Amino acid sequence: MSKLGNEIQKIIAIDAESFSVKVEFDDGAIIEIPMGHIFAKPKGLAAEILRGGMFDKCFLESGALAWPNGLELCPDAMRMWADEQPDKGSRKKRA
């Protein structure tokens, strides 16, 4: 289980086709986080992102992943989603 209070420091890569984002956390972990569960049956702001083709327009705001329409994803939740993946996502520590 990861600690709470994570912040995303950098977006490494965005894959709009598979709805995943590779990010670097404040502890140096670089993790690819799948978000298909949010965008498979989107509602509200997630649906707006798909309709507007904005998935690859994400950016960082105060350590959270955000989109221009106001959707923000908590970095702690994103870290937990990655930890729940069978392959634990793509992980490495920055040297």
PDB file of N, CA and C in Angstrom:
ATOM      1  N   MET A   1       0.847  -1.185   0.000  1.00  0.00           N
ATOM      2  CA  MET A   1       0.000   0.000   0.000  1.00  0.00           C
ATOM      3  C   MET A   1       0.881   1.232   0.000  1.00  0.00           C
ATOM      4  N   SER A   2       0.535   2.193  -0.831  1.00  0.00           N
ATOM      5  CA  SER A   2       1.338   3.407  -0.924  1.00  0.00           C
ATOM      6  C   SER A   2       0.883   4.439   0.103  1.00  0.00           C
ATOM      7  N   LYS A   3       1.783   5.341   0.400  1.00  0.00           N
ATOM      8  CA  LYS A   3       1.462   6.399   1.358  1.00  0.00           C
ATOM      9  C   LYS A   3       0.500   7.399   0.728  1.00  0.00           C
ATOM     10  N   LEU A   4      -0.237   8.088   1.568  1.00  0.00           N
ATOM     11  CA  LEU A   4      -1.102   9.158   1.067  1.00  0.00           C
ATOM     12  C   LEU A   4      -0.284  10.432   0.981  1.00  0.00           C
ATOM     13  N   GLY A   5      -0.759  11.378   0.204  1.00  0.00           N
ATOM     14  CA  GLY A   5      -0.047  12.629   0.040  1.00  0.00           C
ATOM     15  C   GLY A   5       0.875  12.612  -1.158  1.00  0.00           C
ATOM     16  N   ASN A   6       0.642  11.686  -2.095  1.00  0.00           N
ATOM     17  CA  ASN A   6       1.436  11.633  -3.319  1.00  0.00           C
ATOM     18  C   ASN A   6       1.151  12.860  -4.172  1.00  0.00           C
ATOM     19  N   GLU A   7       2.138  13.277  -4.916  1.00  0.00           N
ATOM     20  CA  GLU A   7       1.945  14.307  -5.926  1.00  0.00           C
ATOM     21  C   GLU A   7       2.617  13.838  -7.202  1.00  0.00           C
ATOM     22  N   ILE A   8       2.009  14.201  -8.316  1.00  0.00           N
ATOM     23  CA  ILE A   8       2.610  13.909  -9.608  1.00  0.00           C
ATOM     24  C   ILE A   8       3.523  15.077  -9.944  1.00  0.00           C
ATOM     25  N   GLN A   9       4.763  14.756 -10.294  1.00  0.00           N
ATOM     26  CA  GLN A   9       5.750  15.782 -10.608  1.00  0.00           C
ATOM     27  C   GLN A   9       5.855  16.058 -12.103  1.00  0.00           C
ATOM     28  N   LYS A  10       5.570  15.020 -12.913  1.00  0.00           N
ATOM     29  CA  LYS A  10       5.812  15.161 -14.344  1.00  0.00           C
ATOM     30  C   LYS A  10       4.970  14.150 -15.113  1.00  0.00           C
ATOM     31  N   ILE A  11       4.424  14.577 -16.247  1.00  0.00           N
ATOM     32  CA  ILE A  11       3.757  13.666 -17.170  1.00  0.00           C
ATOM     33  C   ILE A  11       4.823  13.205 -18.161  1.00  0.00           C
ATOM     34  N   ILE A  12       5.036  11.900 -18.235  1.00  0.00           N
ATOM     35  CA  ILE A  12       6.066  11.338 -19.113  1.00  0.00           C
ATOM     36  C   ILE A  12       5.494  11.035 -20.498  1.00  0.00           C
ATOM     37  N   ALA A  13       4.313  10.407 -20.548  1.00  0.00           N
ATOM     38  CA  ALA A  13       3.700  10.014 -21.813  1.00  0.00           C
ATOM     39  C   ALA A  13       2.191   9.898 -21.631  1.00  0.00           C
ATOM     40  N   ILE A  14       1.480  10.132 -22.731  1.00  0.00           N
ATOM     41  CA  ILE A  14       0.016  10.027 -22.755  1.00  0.00           C
ATOM     42  C   ILE A  14      -0.356   9.100 -23.903  1.00  0.00           C
ATOM     43  N   ASP A  15      -1.204   8.110 -23.632  1.00  0.00           N
ATOM     44  CA  ASP A  15      -1.685   7.209 -24.677  1.00  0.00           C
ATOM     45  C   ASP A  15      -3.200   7.313 -24.726  1.00  0.00           C
ATOM     46  N   ALA A  16      -3.698   8.155 -25.628  1.00  0.00           N
ATOM     47  CA  ALA A  16      -5.131   8.383 -25.736  1.00  0.00           C
ATOM     48  C   ALA A  16      -5.867   7.155 -26.255  1.00  0.00           C
ATOM     49  N   GLU A  17      -5.175   6.293 -26.973  1.00  0.00           N
ATOM     50  CA  GLU A  17      -5.817   5.095 -27.519  1.00  0.00           C
ATOM     51  C   GLU A  17      -6.153   4.097 -26.424  1.00  0.00           C
ATOM     52  N   SER A  18      -5.258   3.919 -25.458  1.00  0.00           N
ATOM     53  CA  SER A  18      -5.504   2.964 -24.377  1.00  0.00           C
ATOM     54  C   SER A  18      -5.956   3.647 -23.083  1.00  0.00           C
ATOM     55  N   PHE A  19      -6.140   4.970 -23.120  1.00  0.00           N
ATOM     56  CA  PHE A  19      -6.526   5.753 -21.944  1.00  0.00           C
ATOM     57  C   PHE A  19      -5.593   5.487 -20.769  1.00  0.00           C
ATOM     58  N   SER A  20      -4.307   5.711 -21.001  1.00  0.00           N
ATOM     59  CA  SER A  20      -3.327   5.582 -19.928  1.00  0.00           C
ATOM     60  C   SER A  20      -2.368   6.771 -19.971  1.00  0.00           C
ATOM     61  N   VAL A  21      -1.811   7.053 -18.816  1.00  0.00           N
ATOM     62  CA  VAL A  21      -0.858   8.151 -18.687  1.00  0.00           C
ATOM     63  C   VAL A  21       0.321   7.643 -17.863  1.00  0.00           C
ATOM     64  N   LYS A  22       1.521   7.896 -18.331  1.00  0.00           N
ATOM     65  CA  LYS A  22       2.726   7.549 -17.571  1.00  0.00           C
ATOM     66  C   LYS A  22       3.184   8.822 -16.868  1.00  0.00           C
ATOM     67  N   VAL A  23       3.315   8.720 -15.552  1.00  0.00           N
ATOM     68  CA  VAL A  23       3.661   9.898 -14.748  1.00  0.00           C
ATOM     69  C   VAL A  23       4.807   9.576 -13.792  1.00  0.00           C
ATOM     70  N   GLU A  24       5.455  10.633 -13.329  1.00  0.00           N
ATOM     71  CA  GLU A  24       6.471  10.492 -12.293  1.00  0.00           C
ATOM     72  C   GLU A  24       5.925  11.110 -11.014  1.00  0.00           C
ATOM     73  N   PHE A  25       5.957  10.330  -9.936  1.00  0.00           N
ATOM     74  CA  PHE A  25       5.492  10.808  -8.638  1.00  0.00           C
ATOM     75  C   PHE A  25       6.621  11.475  -7.872  1.00  0.00           C
ATOM     76  N   ASP A  26       6.263  12.161  -6.808  1.00  0.00           N
ATOM     77  CA  ASP A  26       7.245  12.896  -6.020  1.00  0.00           C
ATOM     78  C   ASP A  26       8.277  12.010  -5.340  1.00  0.00           C
ATOM     79  N   ASP A  27       8.008  10.700  -5.225  1.00  0.00           N
ATOM     80  CA  ASP A  27       9.005   9.801  -4.638  1.00  0.00           C
ATOM     81  C   ASP A  27       9.934   9.202  -5.696  1.00  0.00           C
ATOM     82  N   GLY A  28       9.796   9.656  -6.939  1.00  0.00           N
ATOM     83  CA  GLY A  28      10.657   9.187  -8.025  1.00  0.00           C
ATOM     84  C   GLY A  28      10.105   8.020  -8.811  1.00  0.00           C
ATOM     85  N   ALA A  29       9.000   7.419  -8.364  1.00  0.00           N
ATOM     86  CA  ALA A  29       8.402   6.296  -9.085  1.00  0.00           C
ATOM     87  C   ALA A  29       7.796   6.789 -10.394  1.00  0.00           C
ATOM     88  N   ILE A  30       8.088   6.080 -11.470  1.00  0.00           N
ATOM     89  CA  ILE A  30       7.499   6.372 -12.779  1.00  0.00           C
ATOM     90  C   ILE A  30       6.548   5.227 -13.079  1.00  0.00           C
ATOM     91  N   ILE A  31       5.270   5.552 -13.211  1.00  0.00           N
ATOM     92  CA  ILE A  31       4.230   4.529 -13.314  1.00  0.00           C
ATOM     93  C   ILE A  31       3.280   4.856 -14.463  1.00  0.00           C
ATOM     94  N   GLU A  32       2.962   3.844 -15.269  1.00  0.00           N
ATOM     95  CA  GLU A  32       1.933   3.989 -16.285  1.00  0.00           C
ATOM     96  C   GLU A  32       0.608   3.610 -15.639  1.00  0.00           C
ATOM     97  N   ILE A  33      -0.344   4.521 -15.673  1.00  0.00           N
ATOM     98  CA  ILE A  33      -1.615   4.324 -14.987  1.00  0.00           C
ATOM     99  C   ILE A  33      -2.744   4.178 -16.005  1.00  0.00           C
ATOM    100  N   PRO A  34      -3.363   2.997 -16.058  1.00  0.00           N
ATOM    101  CA  PRO A  34      -4.498   2.799 -16.947  1.00  0.00           C
ATOM    102  C   PRO A  34      -5.751   3.444 -16.350  1.00  0.00           C
ATOM    103  N   MET A  35      -6.491   4.162 -17.182  1.00  0.00           N
ATOM    104  CA  MET A  35      -7.709   4.824 -16.723  1.00  0.00           C
ATOM    105  C   MET A  35      -8.925   4.452 -17.557  1.00  0.00           C
ATOM    106  N   GLY A  36      -8.849   3.283 -18.175  1.00  0.00           N
ATOM    107  CA  GLY A  36      -9.953   2.817 -18.991  1.00  0.00           C
ATOM    108  C   GLY A  36     -11.250   2.705 -18.222  1.00  0.00           C
ATOM    109  N   HIS A  37     -11.170   2.391 -16.925  1.00  0.00           N
ATOM    110  CA  HIS A  37     -12.380   2.249 -16.114  1.00  0.00           C
ATOM    111  C   HIS A  37     -13.145   3.573 -16.002  1.00  0.00           C
ATOM    112  N   ILE A  38     -12.485   4.679 -16.163  1.00  0.00           N
ATOM    113  CA  ILE A  38     -13.160   5.984 -16.118  1.00  0.00           C
ATOM    114  C   ILE A  38     -13.766   6.322 -17.478  1.00  0.00           C
ATOM    115  N   PHE A  39     -13.046   5.974 -18.544  1.00  0.00           N
ATOM    116  CA  PHE A  39     -13.457   6.388 -19.876  1.00  0.00           C
ATOM    117  C   PHE A  39     -14.208   5.312 -20.667  1.00  0.00           C
ATOM    118  N   ALA A  40     -14.369   4.105 -20.114  1.00  0.00           N
ATOM    119  CA  ALA A  40     -15.105   3.041 -20.800  1.00  0.00           C
ATOM    120  C   ALA A  40     -16.596   3.375 -20.886  1.00  0.00           C
ATOM    121  N   LYS A  41     -17.156   3.835 -19.786  1.00  0.00           N
ATOM    122  CA  LYS A  41     -18.559   4.262 -19.736  1.00  0.00           C
ATOM    123  C   LYS A  41     -18.583   5.650 -19.097  1.00  0.00           C
ATOM    124  N   PRO A  42     -18.099   6.646 -19.838  1.00  0.00           N
ATOM    125  CA  PRO A  42     -17.907   7.972 -19.241  1.00  0.00           C
ATOM    126  C   PRO A  42     -19.208   8.690 -18.921  1.00  0.00           C
ATOM    127  N   LYS A  43     -19.143   9.469 -17.863  1.00  0.00           N
ATOM    128  CA  LYS A  43     -20.252  10.321 -17.455  1.00  0.00           C
ATOM    129  C   LYS A  43     -19.682  11.696 -17.141  1.00  0.00           C
ATOM    130  N   GLY A  44     -20.513  12.699 -17.227  1.00  0.00           N
ATOM    131  CA  GLY A  44     -20.126  14.041 -16.816  1.00  0.00           C
ATOM    132  C   GLY A  44     -18.882  14.564 -17.518  1.00  0.00           C
ATOM    133  N   LEU A  45     -17.899  14.992 -16.725  1.00  0.00           N
ATOM    134  CA  LEU A  45     -16.687  15.601 -17.270  1.00  0.00           C
ATOM    135  C   LEU A  45     -15.862  14.619 -18.095  1.00  0.00           C
ATOM    136  N   ALA A  46     -15.863  13.342 -17.719  1.00  0.00           N
ATOM    137  CA  ALA A  46     -15.127  12.339 -18.503  1.00  0.00           C
ATOM    138  C   ALA A  46     -15.730  12.209 -19.899  1.00  0.00           C
ATOM    139  N   ALA A  47     -17.055  12.259 -20.001  1.00  0.00           N
ATOM    140  CA  ALA A  47     -17.725  12.196 -21.306  1.00  0.00           C
ATOM    141  C   ALA A  47     -17.373  13.417 -22.149  1.00  0.00           C
ATOM    142  N   GLU A  48     -17.281  14.581 -21.519  1.00  0.00           N
ATOM    143  CA  GLU A  48     -16.885  15.809 -22.234  1.00  0.00           C
ATOM    144  C   GLU A  48     -15.482  15.668 -22.822  1.00  0.00           C
ATOM    145  N   ILE A  49     -14.587  15.049 -22.078  1.00  0.00           N
ATOM    146  CA  ILE A  49     -13.216  14.862 -22.559  1.00  0.00           C
ATOM    147  C   ILE A  49     -13.215  14.011 -23.817  1.00  0.00           C
ATOM    148  N   LEU A  50     -13.999  12.943 -23.824  1.00  0.00           N
ATOM    149  CA  LEU A  50     -14.063  12.085 -25.012  1.00  0.00           C
ATOM    150  C   LEU A  50     -14.712  12.796 -26.179  1.00  0.00           C
ATOM    151  N   ARG A  51     -15.832  13.467 -25.936  1.00  0.00           N
ATOM    152  CA  ARG A  51     -16.524  14.179 -27.017  1.00  0.00           C
ATOM    153  C   ARG A  51     -15.630  15.252 -27.631  1.00  0.00           C
ATOM    154  N   GLY A  52     -14.862  15.912 -26.803  1.00  0.00           N
ATOM    155  CA  GLY A  52     -13.999  16.990 -27.284  1.00  0.00           C
ATOM    156  C   GLY A  52     -12.617  16.535 -27.719  1.00  0.00           C
ATOM    157  N   GLY A  53     -12.350  15.233 -27.650  1.00  0.00           N
ATOM    158  CA  GLY A  53     -11.031  14.740 -28.034  1.00  0.00           C
ATOM    159  C   GLY A  53      -9.916  15.349 -27.196  1.00  0.00           C
ATOM    160  N   MET A  54     -10.171  15.504 -25.886  1.00  0.00           N
ATOM    161  CA  MET A  54      -9.238  16.208 -25.005  1.00  0.00           C
ATOM    162  C   MET A  54      -8.374  15.310 -24.137  1.00  0.00           C
ATOM    163  N   PHE A  55      -8.433  13.995 -24.296  1.00  0.00           N
ATOM    164  CA  PHE A  55      -7.681  13.148 -23.373  1.00  0.00           C
ATOM    165  C   PHE A  55      -6.202  13.534 -23.332  1.00  0.00           C
ATOM    166  N   ASP A  56      -5.622  13.799 -24.490  1.00  0.00           N
ATOM    167  CA  ASP A  56      -4.193  14.125 -24.539  1.00  0.00           C
ATOM    168  C   ASP A  56      -3.881  15.572 -24.169  1.00  0.00           C
ATOM    169  N   LYS A  57      -4.871  16.305 -23.712  1.00  0.00           N
ATOM    170  CA  LYS A  57      -4.681  17.703 -23.284  1.00  0.00           C
ATOM    171  C   LYS A  57      -4.496  17.810 -21.772  1.00  0.00           C
ATOM    172  N   CYS A  58      -4.251  16.688 -21.104  1.00  0.00           N
ATOM    173  CA  CYS A  58      -4.104  16.729 -19.650  1.00  0.00           C
ATOM    174  C   CYS A  58      -2.838  17.483 -19.256  1.00  0.00           C
ATOM    175  N   PHE A  59      -2.856  17.991 -18.048  1.00  0.00           N
ATOM    176  CA  PHE A  59      -1.739  18.757 -17.507  1.00  0.00           C
ATOM    177  C   PHE A  59      -1.729  18.576 -16.001  1.00  0.00           C
ATOM    178  N   LEU A  60      -0.712  19.098 -15.340  1.00  0.00           N
ATOM    179  CA  LEU A  60      -0.624  19.002 -13.888  1.00  0.00           C
ATOM    180  C   LEU A  60      -1.098  20.290 -13.244  1.00  0.00           C
ATOM    181  N   GLU A  61      -1.897  20.118 -12.200  1.00  0.00           N
ATOM    182  CA  GLU A  61      -2.347  21.265 -11.410  1.00  0.00           C
ATOM    183  C   GLU A  61      -2.254  20.886  -9.936  1.00  0.00           C
ATOM    184  N   SER A  62      -1.358  21.525  -9.231  1.00  0.00           N
ATOM    185  CA  SER A  62      -1.136  21.262  -7.805  1.00  0.00           C
ATOM    186  C   SER A  62      -0.892  19.781  -7.521  1.00  0.00           C
ATOM    187  N   GLY A  63      -0.138  19.116  -8.376  1.00  0.00           N
ATOM    188  CA  GLY A  63       0.216  17.727  -8.161  1.00  0.00           C
ATOM    189  C   GLY A  63      -0.821  16.718  -8.609  1.00  0.00           C
ATOM    190  N   ALA A  64      -1.923  17.186  -9.204  1.00  0.00           N
ATOM    191  CA  ALA A  64      -2.985  16.298  -9.685  1.00  0.00           C
ATOM    192  C   ALA A  64      -3.056  16.353 -11.206  1.00  0.00           C
ATOM    193  N   LEU A  65      -3.554  15.271 -11.807  1.00  0.00           N
ATOM    194  CA  LEU A  65      -3.767  15.242 -13.244  1.00  0.00           C
ATOM    195  C   LEU A  65      -5.074  15.959 -13.530  1.00  0.00           C
ATOM    196  N   ALA A  66      -5.049  16.901 -14.485  1.00  0.00           N
ATOM    197  CA  ALA A  66      -6.226  17.728 -14.759  1.00  0.00           C
ATOM    198  C   ALA A  66      -6.424  17.883 -16.266  1.00  0.00           C
ATOM    199  N   TRP A  67      -7.645  18.270 -16.640  1.00  0.00           N
ATOM    200  CA  TRP A  67      -7.989  18.548 -18.027  1.00  0.00           C
ATOM    201  C   TRP A  67      -8.614  19.931 -18.115  1.00  0.00           C
ATOM    202  N   PRO A  68      -8.614  20.526 -19.307  1.00  0.00           N
ATOM    203  CA  PRO A  68      -9.132  21.885 -19.471  1.00  0.00           C
ATOM    204  C   PRO A  68     -10.602  22.059 -19.071  1.00  0.00           C
ATOM    205  N   ASN A  69     -11.393  20.996 -19.076  1.00  0.00           N
ATOM    206  CA  ASN A  69     -12.811  21.128 -18.725  1.00  0.00           C
ATOM    207  C   ASN A  69     -13.060  21.089 -17.220  1.00  0.00           C
ATOM    208  N   GLY A  70     -12.004  20.944 -16.411  1.00  0.00           N
ATOM    209  CA  GLY A  70     -12.152  20.971 -14.960  1.00  0.00           C
ATOM    210  C   GLY A  70     -12.032  19.624 -14.270  1.00  0.00           C
ATOM    211  N   LEU A  71     -11.954  18.526 -15.021  1.00  0.00           N
ATOM    212  CA  LEU A  71     -11.786  17.217 -14.389  1.00  0.00           C
ATOM    213  C   LEU A  71     -10.390  17.133 -13.795  1.00  0.00           C
ATOM    214  N   GLU A  72     -10.303  16.744 -12.529  1.00  0.00           N
ATOM    215  CA  GLU A  72      -9.027  16.510 -11.865  1.00  0.00           C
ATOM    216  C   GLU A  72      -9.075  15.143 -11.220  1.00  0.00           C
ATOM    217  N   LEU A  73      -7.968  14.415 -11.302  1.00  0.00           N
ATOM    218  CA  LEU A  73      -7.867  13.097 -10.683  1.00  0.00           C
ATOM    219  C   LEU A  73      -6.844  13.160  -9.561  1.00  0.00           C
ATOM    220  N   CYS A  74      -7.249  12.685  -8.413  1.00  0.00           N
ATOM    221  CA  CYS A  74      -6.412  12.683  -7.226  1.00  0.00           C
ATOM    222  C   CYS A  74      -5.203  11.774  -7.442  1.00  0.00           C
ATOM    223  N   PRO A  75      -4.001  12.265  -7.195  1.00  0.00           N
ATOM    224  CA  PRO A  75      -2.829  11.416  -7.392  1.00  0.00           C
ATOM    225  C   PRO A  75      -2.793  10.199  -6.470  1.00  0.00           C
ATOM    226  N   ASP A  76      -3.357  10.310  -5.266  1.00  0.00           N
ATOM    227  CA  ASP A  76      -3.419   9.148  -4.379  1.00  0.00           C
ATOM    228  C   ASP A  76      -4.292   8.057  -4.981  1.00  0.00           C
ATOM    229  N   ALA A  77      -5.433   8.439  -5.538  1.00  0.00           N
ATOM    230  CA  ALA A  77      -6.326   7.465  -6.176  1.00  0.00           C
ATOM    231  C   ALA A  77      -5.650   6.843  -7.387  1.00  0.00           C
ATOM    232  N   MET A  78      -4.953   7.651  -8.171  1.00  0.00           N
ATOM    233  CA  MET A  78      -4.264   7.121  -9.350  1.00  0.00           C
ATOM    234  C   MET A  78      -3.191   6.114  -8.946  1.00  0.00           C
ATOM    235  N   ARG A  79      -2.494   6.402  -7.873  1.00  0.00           N
ATOM    236  CA  ARG A  79      -1.449   5.484  -7.389  1.00  0.00           C
ATOM    237  C   ARG A  79      -2.085   4.169  -6.932  1.00  0.00           C
ATOM    238  N   MET A  80      -3.243   4.248  -6.276  1.00  0.00           N
ATOM    239  CA  MET A  80      -3.943   3.031  -5.841  1.00  0.00           C
ATOM    240  C   MET A  80      -4.425   2.228  -7.044  1.00  0.00           C
ATOM    241  N   TRP A  81      -4.933   2.892  -8.100  1.00  0.00           N
ATOM    242  CA  TRP A  81      -5.369   2.178  -9.298  1.00  0.00           C
ATOM    243  C   TRP A  81      -4.200   1.415  -9.892  1.00  0.00           C
ATOM    244  N   ALA A  82      -3.051   2.048  -9.954  1.00  0.00           N
ATOM    245  CA  ALA A  82      -1.869   1.388 -10.510  1.00  0.00           C
ATOM    246  C   ALA A  82      -1.472   0.195  -9.646  1.00  0.00           C
ATOM    247  N   ASP A  83      -1.543   0.342  -8.321  1.00  0.00           N
ATOM    248  CA  ASP A  83      -1.181  -0.747  -7.413  1.00  0.00           C
ATOM    249  C   ASP A  83      -2.131  -1.927  -7.536  1.00  0.00           C
ATOM    250  N   GLU A  84      -3.375  -1.681  -7.955  1.00  0.00           N
ATOM    251  CA  GLU A  84      -4.368  -2.742  -8.084  1.00  0.00           C
ATOM    252  C   GLU A  84      -4.222  -3.539  -9.377  1.00  0.00           C
ATOM    253  N   GLN A  85      -3.432  -3.052 -10.319  1.00  0.00           N
ATOM    254  CA  GLN A  85      -3.254  -3.742 -11.591  1.00  0.00           C
ATOM    255  C   GLN A  85      -2.438  -5.007 -11.380  1.00  0.00           C
ATOM    256  N   PRO A  86      -2.814  -6.103 -12.061  1.00  0.00           N
ATOM    257  CA  PRO A  86      -2.085  -7.361 -11.900  1.00  0.00           C
ATOM    258  C   PRO A  86      -0.586  -7.232 -12.168  1.00  0.00           C
ATOM    259  N   ASP A  87      -0.222  -6.463 -13.193  1.00  0.00           N
ATOM    260  CA  ASP A  87       1.205  -6.315 -13.513  1.00  0.00           C
ATOM    261  C   ASP A  87       1.810  -5.113 -12.807  1.00  0.00           C
ATOM    262  N   LYS A  88       1.039  -4.463 -11.941  1.00  0.00           N
ATOM    263  CA  LYS A  88       1.462  -3.280 -11.187  1.00  0.00           C
ATOM    264  C   LYS A  88       1.898  -2.143 -12.105  1.00  0.00           C
ATOM    265  N   GLY A  89       1.385  -2.119 -13.329  1.00  0.00           N
ATOM    266  CA  GLY A  89       1.727  -1.050 -14.258  1.00  0.00           C
ATOM    267  C   GLY A  89       3.199  -1.105 -14.629  1.00  0.00           C
ATOM    268  N   SER A  90       3.608  -0.153 -15.383  1.00  0.00           N
ATOM    269  CA  SER A  90       5.010  -0.037 -15.776  1.00  0.00           C
ATOM    270  C   SER A  90       5.687   0.853 -14.753  1.00  0.00           C
ATOM    271  N   ARG A  91       6.608   0.297 -13.957  1.00  0.00           N
ATOM    272  CA  ARG A  91       7.209   1.043 -12.857  1.00  0.00           C
ATOM    273  C   ARG A  91       8.717   1.040 -12.933  1.00  0.00           C
ATOM    274  N   LYS A  92       9.257   2.146 -12.533  1.00  0.00           N
ATOM    275  CA  LYS A  92      10.686   2.201 -12.302  1.00  0.00           C
ATOM    276  C   LYS A  92      10.968   3.418 -11.439  1.00  0.00           C
ATOM    277  N   LYS A  93      12.077   3.370 -10.783  1.00  0.00           N
ATOM    278  CA  LYS A  93      12.518   4.501  -9.956  1.00  0.00           C
ATOM    279  C   LYS A  93      13.534   5.287 -10.760  1.00  0.00           C
ATOM    280  N   ARG A  94      13.435   6.582 -10.658  1.00  0.00           N
ATOM    281  CA  ARG A  94      14.397   7.450 -11.330  1.00  0.00           C
ATOM    282  C   ARG A  94      15.741   7.319 -10.644  1.00  0.00           C
ATOM    283  N   ALA A  95      16.785   7.207 -11.425  1.00  0.00           N
ATOM    284  CA  ALA A  95      18.139   7.049 -10.867  1.00  0.00           C
ATOM    285  C   ALA A  95      18.695   8.367 -10.367  1.00  0.00           C
TER     286      ALA A  95
END
